[in-house]
Structure formats: C-alpha cells, structure tokens
Amino acid sequence: MTTPVRRNLGILLTLVIALSLSVIAMPAALTATRPEWVAMAIIYWSMALPRRVGLGTAWVTGLLLDVLTGSLLGQHALALTVVAYLSIRTHQRVRVYPLWQQSIAVGLMLVVYRILLLWVYGITGHAPDQRAYWIPVLTSMLLWPLIFLLLRHIRRRLHLTG
C-alpha cells in the first residue's frame, strides 16, 4: 500500500518529466515535431484521476511551462486548463475507447490547445510558422498509445485511485 505522499509524488514526477521533455534541447530539424508532452500528461491524469488531477493542477503546470519556455505568463496555463476541463468532461466516454480512437480524441483536445495558443500568439503579434505549427498534434497522436500504456502502468504500480 502506498502513502498519500508517494501517490502524489508519482503524479508530480510524471508532470516534471513531461515539463523536462518540453524544454530539453533537440536538433533544429526535430524541434517542430516535439510532441505536446505536458498536455498529454494532463489529459491522461485528468481522465484517469479526475478528482485528484484537475483544473488547478493544469493551471499550475501551465504556469510552470510558461516560465520554463519563456512564453507569455498564463498562455499555457489557460490552454492546459481548458484541455483538462475537456478531458474531465469526456473522461467516462474516452477511457473506454480503443487506443486508436483515444488518439483521435486526444488529437482533437490538442487541436483546441494549439488554437488557444495560436489565439494568444495572434493577440500578442507573434505569429508562428504556419507550416510546422500543427505537426506536434500529429506526433502526439502517434505517441498517445505509448504514453497511455506507460502512465497506466505507473498508475497501477503505485495503486493510484481517484
């Protein structure tokens, strides 16, 4: 049996790893393909444990991502909070989908995430490269089955319940 501290550390550790993967240096040719690690982690945890990982967790994690990436403070926090809300609202349906259908649902949530970021970019006058802007949604959708299985294994190993 795990203690409440250990349970929370398991979730926290996966979010820290996702934040690290979001800022780790990559070759210039692969930077545009970087998956949305933090968004996928928030989606998984808010679907698996909606009472424990919710809007507050998404907001704080988003603020940390804003600080780490040097982006406008609150930009990722807003987008991750909306994605967590969508994930929590649909978790009972999406959890029972086969992994390939979950990937599509996660992809749609990530499109909303990227649209919100694009909206903030537009307001601030920092237009991203349109050709490469949507590639992270595709790479995240392709990686979702692996991320899901890995995080589910961690959740089961630590006996994390809602």
N, C-alpha and C. Protein backbone atom coordinates (compact mmCIF):
# COMPACT_ATOMS: atom_id res chain seq x y z
N MET A 1 0.84 -1.18 0.00
CA MET A 1 0.00 0.00 0.00
C MET A 1 0.89 1.25 0.00
N THR A 2 0.50 2.19 -0.80
CA THR A 2 1.30 3.41 -0.89
C THR A 2 0.70 4.50 -0.02
N THR A 3 1.56 5.38 0.42
CA THR A 3 1.11 6.50 1.24
C THR A 3 0.59 7.62 0.32
N PRO A 4 -0.23 8.53 0.86
CA PRO A 4 -0.70 9.64 0.03
C PRO A 4 0.44 10.49 -0.54
N VAL A 5 1.52 10.65 0.20
CA VAL A 5 2.66 11.43 -0.29
C VAL A 5 3.27 10.74 -1.50
N ARG A 6 3.45 9.42 -1.41
CA ARG A 6 4.03 8.68 -2.52
C ARG A 6 3.13 8.73 -3.75
N ARG A 7 1.82 8.66 -3.54
CA ARG A 7 0.88 8.75 -4.66
C ARG A 7 1.00 10.09 -5.37
N ASN A 8 1.02 11.15 -4.60
CA ASN A 8 1.14 12.47 -5.21
C ASN A 8 2.50 12.67 -5.86
N LEU A 9 3.54 12.08 -5.29
CA LEU A 9 4.87 12.19 -5.89
C LEU A 9 4.92 11.48 -7.24
N GLY A 10 4.19 10.38 -7.37
CA GLY A 10 4.15 9.67 -8.65
C GLY A 10 3.57 10.54 -9.75
N ILE A 11 2.47 11.20 -9.47
CA ILE A 11 1.85 12.10 -10.44
C ILE A 11 2.76 13.28 -10.70
N LEU A 12 3.27 13.87 -9.63
CA LEU A 12 4.16 15.02 -9.74
C LEU A 12 5.39 14.69 -10.56
N LEU A 13 5.97 13.53 -10.34
CA LEU A 13 7.17 13.12 -11.07
C LEU A 13 6.89 13.01 -12.57
N THR A 14 5.74 12.45 -12.94
CA THR A 14 5.43 12.34 -14.37
C THR A 14 5.23 13.72 -14.99
N LEU A 15 4.65 14.65 -14.24
CA LEU A 15 4.49 16.01 -14.76
C LEU A 15 5.84 16.72 -14.89
N VAL A 16 6.73 16.49 -13.93
CA VAL A 16 8.07 17.09 -14.01
C VAL A 16 8.83 16.53 -15.22
N ILE A 17 8.71 15.23 -15.45
CA ILE A 17 9.35 14.62 -16.62
C ILE A 17 8.78 15.21 -17.91
N ALA A 18 7.45 15.39 -17.96
CA ALA A 18 6.82 15.98 -19.15
C ALA A 18 7.31 17.41 -19.36
N LEU A 19 7.41 18.18 -18.27
CA LEU A 19 7.94 19.55 -18.38
C LEU A 19 9.38 19.53 -18.89
N SER A 20 10.17 18.59 -18.39
CA SER A 20 11.57 18.48 -18.82
C SER A 20 11.67 18.13 -20.30
N LEU A 21 10.83 17.19 -20.74
CA LEU A 21 10.85 16.81 -22.15
C LEU A 21 10.41 17.96 -23.06
N SER A 22 9.62 18.88 -22.51
CA SER A 22 9.15 20.02 -23.30
C SER A 22 10.22 21.07 -23.52
N VAL A 23 11.25 21.09 -22.69
CA VAL A 23 12.28 22.13 -22.82
C VAL A 23 13.66 21.57 -23.14
N ILE A 24 13.80 20.27 -23.19
CA ILE A 24 15.10 19.67 -23.47
C ILE A 24 15.54 20.03 -24.89
N ALA A 25 16.81 20.25 -25.06
CA ALA A 25 17.35 20.63 -26.37
C ALA A 25 17.18 19.49 -27.37
N MET A 26 16.80 19.88 -28.57
CA MET A 26 16.63 18.93 -29.68
C MET A 26 17.32 19.49 -30.91
N PRO A 27 17.67 18.62 -31.86
CA PRO A 27 18.20 19.15 -33.12
C PRO A 27 17.18 20.07 -33.78
N ALA A 28 17.66 21.08 -34.45
CA ALA A 28 16.78 22.08 -35.06
C ALA A 28 15.75 21.46 -36.00
N ALA A 29 16.15 20.41 -36.70
CA ALA A 29 15.23 19.78 -37.65
C ALA A 29 14.07 19.08 -36.95
N LEU A 30 14.25 18.68 -35.69
CA LEU A 30 13.21 17.96 -34.97
C LEU A 30 12.41 18.83 -34.00
N THR A 31 12.83 20.05 -33.80
CA THR A 31 12.15 20.92 -32.83
C THR A 31 10.68 21.11 -33.17
N ALA A 32 10.35 21.24 -34.43
CA ALA A 32 8.96 21.46 -34.84
C ALA A 32 8.08 20.22 -34.62
N THR A 33 8.71 19.06 -34.45
CA THR A 33 7.94 17.83 -34.27
C THR A 33 7.78 17.44 -32.80
N ARG A 34 8.26 18.26 -31.89
CA ARG A 34 8.20 17.94 -30.46
C ARG A 34 6.75 17.70 -30.04
N PRO A 35 6.46 16.54 -29.48
CA PRO A 35 5.09 16.26 -29.02
C PRO A 35 4.71 17.17 -27.86
N GLU A 36 3.44 17.27 -27.62
CA GLU A 36 2.91 18.08 -26.51
C GLU A 36 2.92 17.22 -25.24
N TRP A 37 4.12 17.04 -24.67
CA TRP A 37 4.30 16.15 -23.53
C TRP A 37 3.44 16.54 -22.34
N VAL A 38 3.45 17.81 -21.99
CA VAL A 38 2.72 18.27 -20.80
C VAL A 38 1.22 18.12 -21.02
N ALA A 39 0.74 18.50 -22.17
CA ALA A 39 -0.69 18.38 -22.45
C ALA A 39 -1.13 16.92 -22.41
N MET A 40 -0.31 16.01 -22.95
CA MET A 40 -0.67 14.59 -22.91
C MET A 40 -0.70 14.07 -21.48
N ALA A 41 0.25 14.50 -20.66
CA ALA A 41 0.26 14.06 -19.26
C ALA A 41 -0.97 14.59 -18.52
N ILE A 42 -1.31 15.85 -18.74
CA ILE A 42 -2.50 16.43 -18.11
C ILE A 42 -3.76 15.71 -18.59
N ILE A 43 -3.84 15.42 -19.86
CA ILE A 43 -5.01 14.70 -20.40
C ILE A 43 -5.12 13.33 -19.74
N TYR A 44 -3.99 12.60 -19.68
CA TYR A 44 -4.05 11.26 -19.09
C TYR A 44 -4.50 11.32 -17.63
N TRP A 45 -3.82 12.14 -16.83
CA TRP A 45 -4.12 12.15 -15.40
C TRP A 45 -5.51 12.69 -15.11
N SER A 46 -5.98 13.66 -15.88
CA SER A 46 -7.32 14.17 -15.63
C SER A 46 -8.40 13.19 -16.11
N MET A 47 -8.07 12.31 -17.06
CA MET A 47 -9.01 11.25 -17.43
C MET A 47 -8.97 10.11 -16.44
N ALA A 48 -7.78 9.75 -16.00
CA ALA A 48 -7.63 8.59 -15.10
C ALA A 48 -8.04 8.93 -13.68
N LEU A 49 -7.70 10.11 -13.21
CA LEU A 49 -7.99 10.51 -11.83
C LEU A 49 -8.61 11.91 -11.81
N PRO A 50 -9.83 12.05 -12.33
CA PRO A 50 -10.39 13.41 -12.47
C PRO A 50 -10.64 14.12 -11.14
N ARG A 51 -10.76 13.39 -10.05
CA ARG A 51 -10.97 14.05 -8.75
C ARG A 51 -9.66 14.52 -8.12
N ARG A 52 -8.55 13.96 -8.57
CA ARG A 52 -7.25 14.32 -7.99
C ARG A 52 -6.44 15.25 -8.86
N VAL A 53 -6.56 15.11 -10.17
CA VAL A 53 -5.80 15.96 -11.09
C VAL A 53 -6.83 16.71 -11.93
N GLY A 54 -6.95 17.99 -11.64
CA GLY A 54 -7.99 18.76 -12.31
C GLY A 54 -7.50 20.09 -12.82
N LEU A 55 -8.38 21.06 -12.75
CA LEU A 55 -8.09 22.36 -13.33
C LEU A 55 -6.96 23.09 -12.60
N GLY A 56 -6.90 22.96 -11.29
CA GLY A 56 -5.82 23.59 -10.52
C GLY A 56 -4.45 23.05 -10.89
N THR A 57 -4.38 21.73 -11.02
CA THR A 57 -3.12 21.10 -11.41
C THR A 57 -2.72 21.56 -12.81
N ALA A 58 -3.70 21.61 -13.72
CA ALA A 58 -3.41 22.05 -15.09
C ALA A 58 -2.94 23.50 -15.10
N TRP A 59 -3.57 24.35 -14.29
CA TRP A 59 -3.20 25.77 -14.25
C TRP A 59 -1.76 25.94 -13.75
N VAL A 60 -1.44 25.29 -12.63
CA VAL A 60 -0.08 25.42 -12.07
C VAL A 60 0.96 24.85 -13.02
N THR A 61 0.66 23.69 -13.60
CA THR A 61 1.58 23.08 -14.55
C THR A 61 1.78 23.99 -15.76
N GLY A 62 0.70 24.60 -16.22
CA GLY A 62 0.80 25.54 -17.34
C GLY A 62 1.65 26.75 -17.01
N LEU A 63 1.50 27.27 -15.80
CA LEU A 63 2.35 28.40 -15.38
C LEU A 63 3.82 28.00 -15.35
N LEU A 64 4.09 26.79 -14.86
CA LEU A 64 5.48 26.30 -14.87
C LEU A 64 6.00 26.18 -16.30
N LEU A 65 5.17 25.69 -17.20
CA LEU A 65 5.57 25.57 -18.60
C LEU A 65 5.82 26.95 -19.21
N ASP A 66 4.99 27.92 -18.85
CA ASP A 66 5.20 29.29 -19.32
C ASP A 66 6.55 29.82 -18.86
N VAL A 67 6.87 29.60 -17.61
CA VAL A 67 8.14 30.07 -17.06
C VAL A 67 9.31 29.36 -17.73
N LEU A 68 9.21 28.04 -17.88
CA LEU A 68 10.31 27.27 -18.48
C LEU A 68 10.55 27.62 -19.94
N THR A 69 9.48 27.92 -20.67
CA THR A 69 9.64 28.21 -22.10
C THR A 69 9.80 29.69 -22.39
N GLY A 70 9.62 30.52 -21.38
CA GLY A 70 9.75 31.96 -21.58
C GLY A 70 8.60 32.55 -22.37
N SER A 71 7.47 31.89 -22.36
CA SER A 71 6.32 32.42 -23.09
C SER A 71 5.50 33.35 -22.20
N LEU A 72 4.51 33.96 -22.77
CA LEU A 72 3.65 34.88 -22.05
C LEU A 72 3.04 34.16 -20.84
N LEU A 73 3.18 34.75 -19.66
CA LEU A 73 2.70 34.11 -18.44
C LEU A 73 1.19 33.94 -18.49
N GLY A 74 0.75 32.70 -18.38
CA GLY A 74 -0.67 32.37 -18.40
C GLY A 74 -1.13 31.75 -19.71
N GLN A 75 -0.30 31.83 -20.73
CA GLN A 75 -0.66 31.31 -22.05
C GLN A 75 -0.90 29.80 -22.00
N HIS A 76 0.08 29.05 -21.57
CA HIS A 76 -0.08 27.60 -21.47
C HIS A 76 -1.01 27.22 -20.33
N ALA A 77 -1.03 28.04 -19.29
CA ALA A 77 -1.93 27.77 -18.16
C ALA A 77 -3.38 27.79 -18.63
N LEU A 78 -3.74 28.78 -19.41
CA LEU A 78 -5.10 28.86 -19.95
C LEU A 78 -5.40 27.66 -20.83
N ALA A 79 -4.52 27.37 -21.76
CA ALA A 79 -4.75 26.29 -22.72
C ALA A 79 -4.82 24.93 -22.01
N LEU A 80 -3.92 24.68 -21.05
CA LEU A 80 -3.94 23.40 -20.34
C LEU A 80 -5.18 23.27 -19.46
N THR A 81 -5.63 24.37 -18.89
CA THR A 81 -6.84 24.32 -18.06
C THR A 81 -8.06 23.98 -18.91
N VAL A 82 -8.16 24.55 -20.09
CA VAL A 82 -9.27 24.22 -20.99
C VAL A 82 -9.20 22.76 -21.41
N VAL A 83 -8.00 22.28 -21.73
CA VAL A 83 -7.82 20.89 -22.13
C VAL A 83 -8.17 19.95 -20.96
N ALA A 84 -7.76 20.30 -19.75
CA ALA A 84 -8.10 19.47 -18.58
C ALA A 84 -9.62 19.45 -18.39
N TYR A 85 -10.27 20.58 -18.58
CA TYR A 85 -11.72 20.64 -18.47
C TYR A 85 -12.38 19.70 -19.48
N LEU A 86 -11.93 19.78 -20.75
CA LEU A 86 -12.48 18.90 -21.78
C LEU A 86 -12.23 17.43 -21.45
N SER A 87 -11.04 17.16 -20.94
CA SER A 87 -10.68 15.79 -20.59
C SER A 87 -11.55 15.26 -19.45
N ILE A 88 -11.77 16.08 -18.46
CA ILE A 88 -12.60 15.67 -17.32
C ILE A 88 -14.05 15.48 -17.76
N ARG A 89 -14.54 16.38 -18.60
CA ARG A 89 -15.93 16.29 -19.06
C ARG A 89 -16.19 15.04 -19.90
N THR A 90 -15.17 14.57 -20.62
CA THR A 90 -15.36 13.44 -21.53
C THR A 90 -14.69 12.16 -21.04
N HIS A 91 -14.14 12.16 -19.83
CA HIS A 91 -13.31 11.03 -19.41
C HIS A 91 -14.05 9.70 -19.37
N GLN A 92 -15.31 9.70 -19.02
CA GLN A 92 -16.02 8.42 -18.93
C GLN A 92 -16.24 7.79 -20.30
N ARG A 93 -16.36 8.61 -21.33
CA ARG A 93 -16.51 8.07 -22.68
C ARG A 93 -15.17 7.70 -23.28
N VAL A 94 -14.21 8.61 -23.18
CA VAL A 94 -12.93 8.42 -23.85
C VAL A 94 -12.15 7.26 -23.25
N ARG A 95 -12.25 7.05 -21.95
CA ARG A 95 -11.49 5.96 -21.31
C ARG A 95 -11.84 4.58 -21.86
N VAL A 96 -13.06 4.39 -22.33
CA VAL A 96 -13.45 3.07 -22.82
C VAL A 96 -13.19 2.88 -24.31
N TYR A 97 -12.74 3.93 -24.99
CA TYR A 97 -12.41 3.80 -26.41
C TYR A 97 -11.17 2.94 -26.57
N PRO A 98 -11.06 2.25 -27.71
CA PRO A 98 -9.78 1.62 -28.05
C PRO A 98 -8.71 2.70 -28.20
N LEU A 99 -7.45 2.32 -28.08
CA LEU A 99 -6.36 3.30 -28.11
C LEU A 99 -6.34 4.15 -29.38
N TRP A 100 -6.66 3.57 -30.51
CA TRP A 100 -6.63 4.36 -31.74
C TRP A 100 -7.71 5.44 -31.72
N GLN A 101 -8.87 5.14 -31.12
CA GLN A 101 -9.91 6.17 -31.01
C GLN A 101 -9.56 7.19 -29.93
N GLN A 102 -8.91 6.74 -28.87
CA GLN A 102 -8.43 7.68 -27.86
C GLN A 102 -7.44 8.66 -28.49
N SER A 103 -6.60 8.16 -29.38
CA SER A 103 -5.63 9.03 -30.05
C SER A 103 -6.33 10.14 -30.82
N ILE A 104 -7.44 9.81 -31.46
CA ILE A 104 -8.19 10.81 -32.19
C ILE A 104 -8.81 11.82 -31.23
N ALA A 105 -9.39 11.33 -30.13
CA ALA A 105 -9.98 12.24 -29.12
C ALA A 105 -8.91 13.15 -28.52
N VAL A 106 -7.75 12.58 -28.21
CA VAL A 106 -6.64 13.37 -27.67
C VAL A 106 -6.18 14.38 -28.72
N GLY A 107 -6.13 13.96 -29.98
CA GLY A 107 -5.75 14.88 -31.05
C GLY A 107 -6.70 16.06 -31.14
N LEU A 108 -7.99 15.82 -30.98
CA LEU A 108 -8.96 16.92 -31.01
C LEU A 108 -8.75 17.87 -29.83
N MET A 109 -8.45 17.31 -28.65
CA MET A 109 -8.17 18.15 -27.49
C MET A 109 -6.90 18.98 -27.72
N LEU A 110 -5.92 18.37 -28.37
CA LEU A 110 -4.68 19.09 -28.66
C LEU A 110 -4.88 20.15 -29.73
N VAL A 111 -5.81 19.94 -30.64
CA VAL A 111 -6.14 20.99 -31.61
C VAL A 111 -6.71 22.19 -30.88
N VAL A 112 -7.59 21.95 -29.91
CA VAL A 112 -8.13 23.05 -29.09
C VAL A 112 -6.98 23.75 -28.36
N TYR A 113 -6.07 22.97 -27.79
CA TYR A 113 -4.91 23.51 -27.09
C TYR A 113 -4.09 24.42 -28.00
N ARG A 114 -3.80 23.93 -29.21
CA ARG A 114 -2.99 24.72 -30.14
C ARG A 114 -3.74 25.94 -30.67
N ILE A 115 -5.07 25.84 -30.82
CA ILE A 115 -5.86 27.00 -31.25
C ILE A 115 -5.80 28.09 -30.18
N LEU A 116 -5.91 27.70 -28.91
CA LEU A 116 -5.82 28.68 -27.83
C LEU A 116 -4.45 29.35 -27.81
N LEU A 117 -3.39 28.56 -28.00
CA LEU A 117 -2.05 29.15 -28.07
C LEU A 117 -1.92 30.07 -29.27
N LEU A 118 -2.48 29.66 -30.40
CA LEU A 118 -2.44 30.48 -31.61
C LEU A 118 -3.19 31.79 -31.40
N TRP A 119 -4.30 31.73 -30.70
CA TRP A 119 -5.07 32.93 -30.39
C TRP A 119 -4.23 33.93 -29.58
N VAL A 120 -3.53 33.41 -28.56
CA VAL A 120 -2.67 34.28 -27.75
C VAL A 120 -1.52 34.82 -28.60
N TYR A 121 -0.94 33.97 -29.45
CA TYR A 121 0.12 34.45 -30.35
C TYR A 121 -0.41 35.58 -31.22
N GLY A 122 -1.61 35.43 -31.74
CA GLY A 122 -2.19 36.45 -32.60
C GLY A 122 -2.43 37.76 -31.87
N ILE A 123 -2.90 37.67 -30.63
CA ILE A 123 -3.15 38.88 -29.84
C ILE A 123 -1.84 39.62 -29.56
N THR A 124 -0.78 38.86 -29.29
CA THR A 124 0.50 39.49 -28.95
C THR A 124 1.35 39.81 -30.18
N GLY A 125 0.89 39.42 -31.37
CA GLY A 125 1.62 39.75 -32.59
C GLY A 125 2.80 38.86 -32.88
N HIS A 126 2.82 37.65 -32.32
CA HIS A 126 3.91 36.70 -32.56
C HIS A 126 3.38 35.51 -33.35
N ALA A 127 3.28 35.66 -34.63
CA ALA A 127 2.73 34.60 -35.48
C ALA A 127 3.75 33.48 -35.64
N PRO A 128 3.35 32.23 -35.35
CA PRO A 128 4.27 31.10 -35.54
C PRO A 128 4.32 30.68 -37.02
N ASP A 129 5.27 29.81 -37.32
CA ASP A 129 5.38 29.25 -38.67
C ASP A 129 4.17 28.36 -38.92
N GLN A 130 3.32 28.75 -39.86
CA GLN A 130 2.06 28.04 -40.08
C GLN A 130 2.26 26.62 -40.61
N ARG A 131 3.31 26.40 -41.36
CA ARG A 131 3.51 25.06 -41.93
C ARG A 131 3.80 24.03 -40.86
N ALA A 132 4.58 24.39 -39.86
CA ALA A 132 5.00 23.42 -38.85
C ALA A 132 4.17 23.49 -37.58
N TYR A 133 3.22 24.42 -37.49
CA TYR A 133 2.52 24.65 -36.24
C TYR A 133 1.69 23.45 -35.78
N TRP A 134 1.12 22.70 -36.69
CA TRP A 134 0.22 21.60 -36.32
C TRP A 134 0.91 20.25 -36.23
N ILE A 135 2.18 20.17 -36.56
CA ILE A 135 2.90 18.90 -36.52
C ILE A 135 2.92 18.28 -35.11
N PRO A 136 3.08 19.05 -34.03
CA PRO A 136 3.05 18.44 -32.69
C PRO A 136 1.75 17.70 -32.37
N VAL A 137 0.66 18.14 -32.96
CA VAL A 137 -0.61 17.42 -32.74
C VAL A 137 -0.50 16.02 -33.34
N LEU A 138 0.05 15.92 -34.52
CA LEU A 138 0.19 14.62 -35.17
C LEU A 138 1.17 13.71 -34.43
N THR A 139 2.31 14.25 -34.02
CA THR A 139 3.28 13.42 -33.30
C THR A 139 2.72 12.99 -31.94
N SER A 140 1.96 13.85 -31.30
CA SER A 140 1.35 13.48 -30.02
C SER A 140 0.30 12.40 -30.20
N MET A 141 -0.49 12.50 -31.27
CA MET A 141 -1.49 11.47 -31.53
C MET A 141 -0.82 10.12 -31.77
N LEU A 142 0.29 10.13 -32.48
CA LEU A 142 1.00 8.88 -32.76
C LEU A 142 1.61 8.29 -31.49
N LEU A 143 2.06 9.15 -30.58
CA LEU A 143 2.68 8.69 -29.34
C LEU A 143 1.67 8.37 -28.24
N TRP A 144 0.43 8.81 -28.39
CA TRP A 144 -0.55 8.64 -27.32
C TRP A 144 -0.67 7.19 -26.82
N PRO A 145 -0.77 6.16 -27.70
CA PRO A 145 -0.88 4.81 -27.16
C PRO A 145 0.28 4.44 -26.23
N LEU A 146 1.49 4.83 -26.58
CA LEU A 146 2.64 4.53 -25.72
C LEU A 146 2.58 5.31 -24.41
N ILE A 147 2.22 6.58 -24.49
CA ILE A 147 2.10 7.41 -23.29
C ILE A 147 1.01 6.86 -22.38
N PHE A 148 -0.12 6.51 -22.97
CA PHE A 148 -1.23 5.95 -22.20
C PHE A 148 -0.79 4.68 -21.47
N LEU A 149 -0.16 3.76 -22.19
CA LEU A 149 0.26 2.49 -21.58
C LEU A 149 1.30 2.71 -20.49
N LEU A 150 2.24 3.62 -20.71
CA LEU A 150 3.27 3.91 -19.72
C LEU A 150 2.67 4.52 -18.46
N LEU A 151 1.84 5.54 -18.62
CA LEU A 151 1.25 6.19 -17.45
C LEU A 151 0.25 5.27 -16.74
N ARG A 152 -0.45 4.43 -17.48
CA ARG A 152 -1.34 3.46 -16.84
C ARG A 152 -0.54 2.46 -16.02
N HIS A 153 0.60 2.04 -16.54
CA HIS A 153 1.47 1.13 -15.78
C HIS A 153 1.93 1.79 -14.48
N ILE A 154 2.35 3.05 -14.56
CA ILE A 154 2.78 3.78 -13.36
C ILE A 154 1.62 3.90 -12.38
N ARG A 155 0.43 4.24 -12.89
CA ARG A 155 -0.75 4.40 -12.02
C ARG A 155 -1.08 3.09 -11.31
N ARG A 156 -1.02 1.99 -12.04
CA ARG A 156 -1.34 0.69 -11.43
C ARG A 156 -0.25 0.25 -10.46
N ARG A 157 0.99 0.50 -10.82
CA ARG A 157 2.12 0.13 -9.97
C ARG A 157 2.09 0.85 -8.63
N LEU A 158 1.67 2.12 -8.65
CA LEU A 158 1.59 2.92 -7.43
C LEU A 158 0.21 2.82 -6.76
N HIS A 159 -0.68 2.03 -7.35
CA HIS A 159 -2.04 1.84 -6.82
C HIS A 159 -2.76 3.17 -6.66
N LEU A 160 -2.67 4.00 -7.69
CA LEU A 160 -3.32 5.31 -7.64
C LEU A 160 -4.78 5.17 -8.00
N THR A 161 -5.63 5.67 -7.13
CA THR A 161 -7.07 5.64 -7.39
C THR A 161 -7.62 7.04 -7.15
N GLY A 162 -8.77 7.29 -7.76
CA GLY A 162 -9.42 8.58 -7.75
C GLY A 162 -9.83 9.05 -6.40
